[in-house]
C-alpha atoms as a PDB file:
ATOM      1  CA  MET A   1      -1.425  36.131  19.625  1.00  0.00           C
ATOM      2  CA  ARG A   2       0.923  36.453  22.367  1.00  0.00           C
ATOM      3  CA  ILE A   3       4.962  37.655  21.545  1.00  0.00           C
ATOM      4  CA  ILE A   4       7.712  36.642  24.403  1.00  0.00           C
ATOM      5  CA  LEU A   5      10.620  38.262  24.141  1.00  0.00           C
ATOM      6  CA  ILE A   6      13.800  35.837  25.679  1.00  0.00           C
ATOM      7  CA  GLU A   7      16.876  37.524  26.485  1.00  0.00           C
ATOM      8  CA  THR A   8      19.998  36.539  25.642  1.00  0.00           C
ATOM      9  CA  ARG A   9      23.916  37.472  26.189  1.00  0.00           C
ATOM     10  CA  HIS A  10      24.208  38.213  22.987  1.00  0.00           C
ATOM     11  CA  ALA A  11      20.741  38.683  21.682  1.00  0.00           C
ATOM     12  CA  ALA A  12      17.022  39.150  21.633  1.00  0.00           C
ATOM     13  CA  MET A  13      14.899  35.843  20.936  1.00  0.00           C
ATOM     14  CA  SER A  14      11.334  35.905  20.042  1.00  0.00           C
ATOM     15  CA  GLU A  15       9.216  32.771  20.162  1.00  0.00           C
ATOM     16  CA  SER A  16       5.469  32.811  19.266  1.00  0.00           C
ATOM     17  CA  LEU A  17       2.824  31.323  21.502  1.00  0.00           C
ATOM     18  CA  PRO A  18       0.395  29.407  19.325  1.00  0.00           C
ATOM     19  CA  SER A  19      -3.775  30.830  20.350  1.00  0.00           C
ATOM     20  CA  SER A  20      -5.394  27.619  20.288  1.00  0.00           C
ATOM     21  CA  LEU A  21      -3.911  23.906  20.386  1.00  0.00           C
ATOM     22  CA  ALA A  22      -4.812  23.264  16.782  1.00  0.00           C
ATOM     23  CA  ALA A  23      -1.800  25.976  16.379  1.00  0.00           C
ATOM     24  CA  ALA A  24       0.313  24.216  18.303  1.00  0.00           C
ATOM     25  CA  PRO A  25       3.254  22.384  16.874  1.00  0.00           C
ATOM     26  CA  ALA A  26       3.335  18.546  18.562  1.00  0.00           C
ATOM     27  CA  GLY A  27       5.831  18.548  21.559  1.00  0.00           C
ATOM     28  CA  GLN A  28       5.478  22.030  23.009  1.00  0.00           C
ATOM     29  CA  ALA A  29       4.509  21.973  27.141  1.00  0.00           C
ATOM     30  CA  LEU A  30       1.245  24.084  27.198  1.00  0.00           C
ATOM     31  CA  THR A  31      -1.591  25.245  29.221  1.00  0.00           C
ATOM     32  CA  VAL A  32      -4.755  25.016  28.821  1.00  0.00           C
ATOM     33  CA  GLN A  33      -6.283  29.136  28.825  1.00  0.00           C
ATOM     34  CA  GLN A  34     -10.446  28.763  28.029  1.00  0.00           C
ATOM     35  CA  VAL A  35     -12.569  27.203  25.792  1.00  0.00           C
ATOM     36  CA  ARG A  36     -15.001  28.155  23.407  1.00  0.00           C
ATOM     37  CA  ALA A  37     -17.491  26.267  21.522  1.00  0.00           C
ATOM     38  CA  PRO A  38     -18.383  27.280  17.902  1.00  0.00           C
ATOM     39  CA  GLU A  39     -22.124  28.513  17.636  1.00  0.00           C
ATOM     40  CA  HIS A  40     -22.821  25.743  15.228  1.00  0.00           C
ATOM     41  CA  SER A  41     -21.820  22.545  18.392  1.00  0.00           C
ATOM     42  CA  PRO A  42     -21.949  24.986  22.145  1.00  0.00           C
ATOM     43  CA  GLU A  43     -22.015  21.201  23.163  1.00  0.00           C
ATOM     44  CA  TRP A  44     -18.198  20.968  22.641  1.00  0.00           C
ATOM     45  CA  ALA A  45     -16.933  22.718  25.521  1.00  0.00           C
ATOM     46  CA  SER A  46     -18.955  20.583  28.150  1.00  0.00           C
ATOM     47  CA  TRP A  47     -17.896  17.861  26.258  1.00  0.00           C
ATOM     48  CA  LEU A  48     -14.389  18.900  26.530  1.00  0.00           C
ATOM     49  CA  ALA A  49     -14.372  19.798  29.573  1.00  0.00           C
ATOM     50  CA  ASP A  50     -15.825  16.073  30.879  1.00  0.00           C
ATOM     51  CA  LEU A  51     -12.046  15.216  29.094  1.00  0.00           C
ATOM     52  CA  GLY A  52     -10.002  17.131  31.287  1.00  0.00           C
ATOM     53  CA  PHE A  53      -9.529  20.535  29.227  1.00  0.00           C
ATOM     54  CA  LEU A  54     -10.066  22.606  31.961  1.00  0.00           C
ATOM     55  CA  PRO A  55      -8.599  25.875  32.445  1.00  0.00           C
ATOM     56  CA  GLY A  56      -4.953  25.254  34.159  1.00  0.00           C
ATOM     57  CA  GLU A  57      -5.017  22.109  32.876  1.00  0.00           C
ATOM     58  CA  ALA A  58      -1.477  21.129  31.763  1.00  0.00           C
ATOM     59  CA  VAL A  59      -1.900  19.847  27.687  1.00  0.00           C
ATOM     60  CA  ARG A  60       0.722  18.957  24.993  1.00  0.00           C
ATOM     61  CA  VAL A  61      -0.106  17.814  21.351  1.00  0.00           C
ATOM     62  CA  LEU A  62       1.590  14.859  20.458  1.00  0.00           C
ATOM     63  CA  ARG A  63       1.286  14.089  17.080  1.00  0.00           C
ATOM     64  CA  ARG A  64      -0.474  15.614  14.214  1.00  0.00           C
ATOM     65  CA  GLY A  65      -2.671  14.255  11.029  1.00  0.00           C
ATOM     66  CA  ARG A  66      -0.103  14.093   7.569  1.00  0.00           C
ATOM     67  CA  PHE A  67      -1.933  17.496   6.515  1.00  0.00           C
ATOM     68  CA  GLY A  68      -1.223  19.973   9.308  1.00  0.00           C
ATOM     69  CA  ASP A  69      -5.474  20.331   9.513  1.00  0.00           C
ATOM     70  CA  GLY A  70      -6.330  16.948  10.220  1.00  0.00           C
ATOM     71  CA  ASN A  71      -6.781  14.752  13.565  1.00  0.00           C
ATOM     72  CA  LEU A  72      -4.418  15.541  16.647  1.00  0.00           C
ATOM     73  CA  VAL A  73      -3.619  12.734  19.025  1.00  0.00           C
ATOM     74  CA  VAL A  74      -3.296  14.997  22.197  1.00  0.00           C
ATOM     75  CA  ARG A  75      -2.170  14.578  26.222  1.00  0.00           C
ATOM     76  CA  VAL A  76      -4.625  17.000  28.924  1.00  0.00           C
ATOM     77  CA  GLY A  77      -3.335  15.705  32.201  1.00  0.00           C
ATOM     78  CA  GLN A  78      -2.352  12.210  32.607  1.00  0.00           C
ATOM     79  CA  SER A  79      -5.245  11.542  29.317  1.00  0.00           C
ATOM     80  CA  THR A  80      -3.808  11.137  25.432  1.00  0.00           C
ATOM     81  CA  PHE A  81      -6.722  11.374  23.238  1.00  0.00           C
ATOM     82  CA  ALA A  82      -7.446  11.832  18.872  1.00  0.00           C
ATOM     83  CA  LEU A  83      -9.231  15.177  17.993  1.00  0.00           C
ATOM     84  CA  ARG A  84     -10.011  16.768  15.581  1.00  0.00           C
ATOM     85  CA  HIS A  85      -9.010  19.892  14.218  1.00  0.00           C
ATOM     86  CA  ALA A  86     -12.189  21.811  14.734  1.00  0.00           C
ATOM     87  CA  GLU A  87     -12.236  20.638  18.191  1.00  0.00           C
ATOM     88  CA  ALA A  88      -8.610  21.574  18.989  1.00  0.00           C
ATOM     89  CA  GLU A  89      -9.443  24.750  17.331  1.00  0.00           C
ATOM     90  CA  CYS A  90     -11.844  25.743  21.173  1.00  0.00           C
ATOM     91  CA  ILE A  91      -9.080  24.993  23.355  1.00  0.00           C
ATOM     92  CA  GLU A  92      -7.090  28.190  23.697  1.00  0.00           C
ATOM     93  CA  VAL A  93      -3.903  27.348  25.562  1.00  0.00           C
ATOM     94  CA  GLY A  94      -0.939  29.757  26.836  1.00  0.00           C
ATOM     95  CA  GLN A  95       3.066  29.204  28.424  1.00  0.00           C
ATOM     96  CA  ARG A  96       3.426  25.837  31.040  1.00  0.00           C
END
């Protein structure tokens, strides 16, 4: 987990960045850093790359499933997709 300190005139506040797209709050502008497939499904890496989840690409969670660990609606570049939580876990993200 990375912590970014933002200095303000009166105090310092920290903003924690999610490590994976699955942990990202809806609406936060992020950048794909890396895609890692789980051992049980190595083909996920190429499948996610084919969808546009490539390092440097802009990404944002638009909506989350009801319980927070279900499907996510995400925008990568100019495309919108629904991903399962397990697939979103494979996408490492950083600040935009």
